[in-house]
Amino acid sequence: MNYQEAKDSFINTWGSLGTLWGINKAMAQIHALLFISPEPLSMEDIMEELHISRGNTSMNLRQLIDWGIVYKTSVAGERKEFFKSEKDVQELARTVARERSRREIQPTLKVLKDVCSIEDDGSVKTKELIKKTKELYELASTADAILNRIASQESNWVTKTLMKLVK
């Protein structure tokens, strides 16, 4: 496999994985391209490389910036905006963990807490709803605490823990 084939394979695979994580394919592919690029890329560079429209590129770059994993940057002598990705894999993982907690888990925890806190009218249905949503709340709360711990730790801790799990 040559460089171009390997690059295309990585970008396409990252795009497919992105859809499993709840982000759109183009957003994941833009991130993959920026992640492996040794220098910042302009919007035009991204559009040309991935064969996507300006609107699609612009919208997804804004979302990646909102996630905190892509940044605008300047290139000396250029008037265009350029973009680069967070290159540190462990920092990337911490940022994604924080954002997933904030965007997905925290709102779910709020709903589960509200639902499991309803007044118990004594019916079997109500008791079961309270019981099951409380169990889900506790599970999601534990998962969120784990994500927050990963997000707040130094990179060496993440690496050491993952290596222990692999061994």
Protein backbone atom coordinates (compact mmCIF):
# COMPACT_ATOMS: atom_id res chain seq x y z
CA MET A 1 0.00 0.00 0.00
CA ASN A 2 1.44 3.38 -0.95
CA TYR A 3 1.06 6.68 0.93
CA GLN A 4 -2.07 7.86 -0.93
CA GLU A 5 -3.83 4.52 -0.48
CA ALA A 6 -2.95 4.44 3.22
CA LYS A 7 -4.09 8.06 3.70
CA ASP A 8 -7.39 7.43 1.89
CA SER A 9 -7.94 4.26 3.91
CA PHE A 10 -7.34 6.08 7.20
CA ILE A 11 -9.61 9.01 6.29
CA ASN A 12 -12.42 6.71 5.11
CA THR A 13 -12.14 4.47 8.17
CA TRP A 14 -12.11 7.47 10.53
CA GLY A 15 -15.18 8.79 8.70
CA SER A 16 -17.00 5.49 9.20
CA LEU A 17 -16.02 5.37 12.87
CA GLY A 18 -17.29 8.91 13.31
CA THR A 19 -20.78 7.85 12.33
CA LEU A 20 -20.68 5.21 15.08
CA TRP A 21 -19.70 7.91 17.58
CA GLY A 22 -22.61 10.13 16.58
CA ILE A 23 -20.87 12.62 14.29
CA ASN A 24 -21.30 12.84 10.56
CA LYS A 25 -18.90 11.22 8.13
CA ALA A 26 -17.64 14.48 6.58
CA MET A 27 -16.85 15.94 10.00
CA ALA A 28 -14.83 12.84 10.94
CA GLN A 29 -13.04 12.82 7.58
CA ILE A 30 -12.09 16.50 7.91
CA HIS A 31 -10.72 15.78 11.36
CA ALA A 32 -8.78 12.75 10.06
CA LEU A 33 -7.26 14.79 7.23
CA LEU A 34 -6.20 17.60 9.57
CA PHE A 35 -4.95 15.11 12.16
CA ILE A 36 -2.49 13.48 9.75
CA SER A 37 -1.52 16.64 7.88
CA PRO A 38 1.95 17.89 8.81
CA GLU A 39 0.92 21.49 8.07
CA PRO A 40 -2.29 23.51 8.47
CA LEU A 41 -4.78 23.27 5.60
CA SER A 42 -7.07 25.89 4.10
CA MET A 43 -10.76 25.30 3.52
CA GLU A 44 -10.00 24.98 -0.19
CA ASP A 45 -7.35 22.32 0.52
CA ILE A 46 -9.87 20.33 2.56
CA MET A 47 -12.63 20.70 -0.05
CA GLU A 48 -10.32 19.54 -2.82
CA GLU A 49 -8.87 16.60 -0.90
CA LEU A 50 -12.23 15.26 0.33
CA HIS A 51 -14.39 16.34 -2.62
CA ILE A 52 -16.97 18.07 -0.43
CA SER A 53 -18.76 21.39 -0.80
CA ARG A 54 -17.74 24.69 0.74
CA GLY A 55 -20.88 24.76 2.91
CA ASN A 56 -20.30 21.23 4.19
CA THR A 57 -16.65 22.00 4.89
CA SER A 58 -17.43 25.28 6.64
CA MET A 59 -20.20 23.84 8.80
CA ASN A 60 -18.10 20.86 9.88
CA LEU A 61 -15.01 22.96 10.58
CA ARG A 62 -17.13 25.16 12.89
CA GLN A 63 -18.34 22.06 14.73
CA LEU A 64 -14.80 20.70 15.08
CA ILE A 65 -13.68 24.07 16.45
CA ASP A 66 -16.64 24.00 18.89
CA TRP A 67 -15.51 20.55 20.03
CA GLY A 68 -12.06 22.02 20.73
CA ILE A 69 -10.15 19.59 18.52
CA VAL A 70 -9.52 21.84 15.51
CA TYR A 71 -8.10 25.36 15.59
CA LYS A 72 -7.82 28.27 13.18
CA THR A 73 -4.27 29.32 12.53
CA SER A 74 -2.35 31.81 10.44
CA VAL A 75 0.20 31.04 7.77
CA ALA A 76 2.78 33.74 7.07
CA GLY A 77 2.11 35.51 3.78
CA GLU A 78 -1.38 34.02 3.37
CA ARG A 79 -4.70 35.82 3.74
CA LYS A 80 -6.80 32.64 3.86
CA GLU A 81 -7.81 30.95 7.08
CA PHE A 82 -5.98 27.74 7.83
CA PHE A 83 -6.92 24.93 10.17
CA LYS A 84 -5.02 22.39 12.21
CA SER A 85 -6.02 19.55 14.50
CA GLU A 86 -4.97 18.72 18.01
CA LYS A 87 -2.04 16.36 17.41
CA ASP A 88 -1.60 14.91 20.90
CA VAL A 89 -3.69 11.72 20.91
CA GLN A 90 -4.12 11.74 24.67
CA GLU A 91 -5.18 15.39 24.74
CA LEU A 92 -7.59 14.61 21.91
CA ALA A 93 -9.08 11.75 23.96
CA ARG A 94 -9.45 14.01 27.02
CA THR A 95 -11.14 16.74 24.98
CA VAL A 96 -13.56 14.29 23.34
CA ALA A 97 -14.35 12.73 26.74
CA ARG A 98 -15.14 16.17 28.23
CA GLU A 99 -17.32 17.14 25.27
CA ARG A 100 -19.20 13.84 25.16
CA SER A 101 -19.94 14.19 28.86
CA ARG A 102 -21.13 17.78 28.45
CA ARG A 103 -23.16 17.19 25.28
CA GLU A 104 -24.55 13.70 25.84
CA ILE A 105 -24.20 12.25 29.30
CA GLN A 106 -25.02 15.32 31.41
CA PRO A 107 -28.36 16.01 29.65
CA THR A 108 -29.26 12.31 29.91
CA LEU A 109 -28.41 12.29 33.61
CA LYS A 110 -30.71 15.26 34.17
CA VAL A 111 -33.63 13.50 32.47
CA LEU A 112 -33.00 10.23 34.31
CA LYS A 113 -32.79 12.04 37.65
CA ASP A 114 -36.06 13.86 36.97
CA VAL A 115 -37.81 10.66 35.89
CA CYS A 116 -36.58 8.48 38.78
CA SER A 117 -37.59 11.24 41.22
CA ILE A 118 -41.29 11.21 40.32
CA GLU A 119 -43.81 10.69 43.08
CA ASP A 120 -44.45 7.00 43.76
CA ASP A 121 -48.19 6.46 43.45
CA GLY A 122 -47.87 2.86 44.60
CA SER A 123 -48.60 1.27 41.23
CA VAL A 124 -46.43 -1.51 39.85
CA LYS A 125 -45.74 0.49 36.68
CA THR A 126 -44.56 3.55 38.60
CA LYS A 127 -42.37 1.47 40.92
CA GLU A 128 -40.75 -0.25 37.93
CA LEU A 129 -40.19 3.06 36.11
CA ILE A 130 -38.54 4.56 39.19
CA LYS A 131 -36.43 1.44 39.82
CA LYS A 132 -35.15 1.07 36.26
CA THR A 133 -34.47 4.75 35.63
CA LYS A 134 -32.64 4.96 38.97
CA GLU A 135 -30.46 2.00 37.92
CA LEU A 136 -29.74 3.71 34.59
CA TYR A 137 -28.99 6.98 36.37
CA GLU A 138 -26.46 5.25 38.62
CA LEU A 139 -24.80 3.49 35.68
CA ALA A 140 -24.63 6.66 33.56
CA SER A 141 -23.38 8.63 36.55
CA THR A 142 -20.57 6.12 37.08
CA ALA A 143 -19.66 6.21 33.37
CA ASP A 144 -19.61 10.00 33.49
CA ALA A 145 -17.34 9.98 36.55
CA ILE A 146 -14.93 7.66 34.71
CA LEU A 147 -14.95 9.90 31.63
CA ASN A 148 -14.37 12.97 33.80
CA ARG A 149 -11.48 11.26 35.56
CA ILE A 150 -9.87 10.42 32.23
CA ALA A 151 -10.48 13.95 30.98
CA SER A 152 -8.87 15.52 34.04
CA GLN A 153 -5.80 13.32 34.34
CA GLU A 154 -2.34 13.86 32.96
CA SER A 155 -1.49 12.01 29.77
CA ASN A 156 0.88 9.62 31.53
CA TRP A 157 -1.96 8.37 33.72
CA VAL A 158 -4.12 7.60 30.68
CA THR A 159 -1.30 5.76 28.93
CA LYS A 160 -0.35 3.75 32.02
CA THR A 161 -3.95 2.78 32.72
CA LEU A 162 -4.62 1.73 29.14
CA MET A 163 -1.42 -0.30 29.05
CA LYS A 164 -2.43 -2.08 32.28
CA LEU A 165 -5.79 -2.93 30.74
CA VAL A 166 -4.14 -4.29 27.58
CA LYS A 167 -1.72 -6.51 29.53
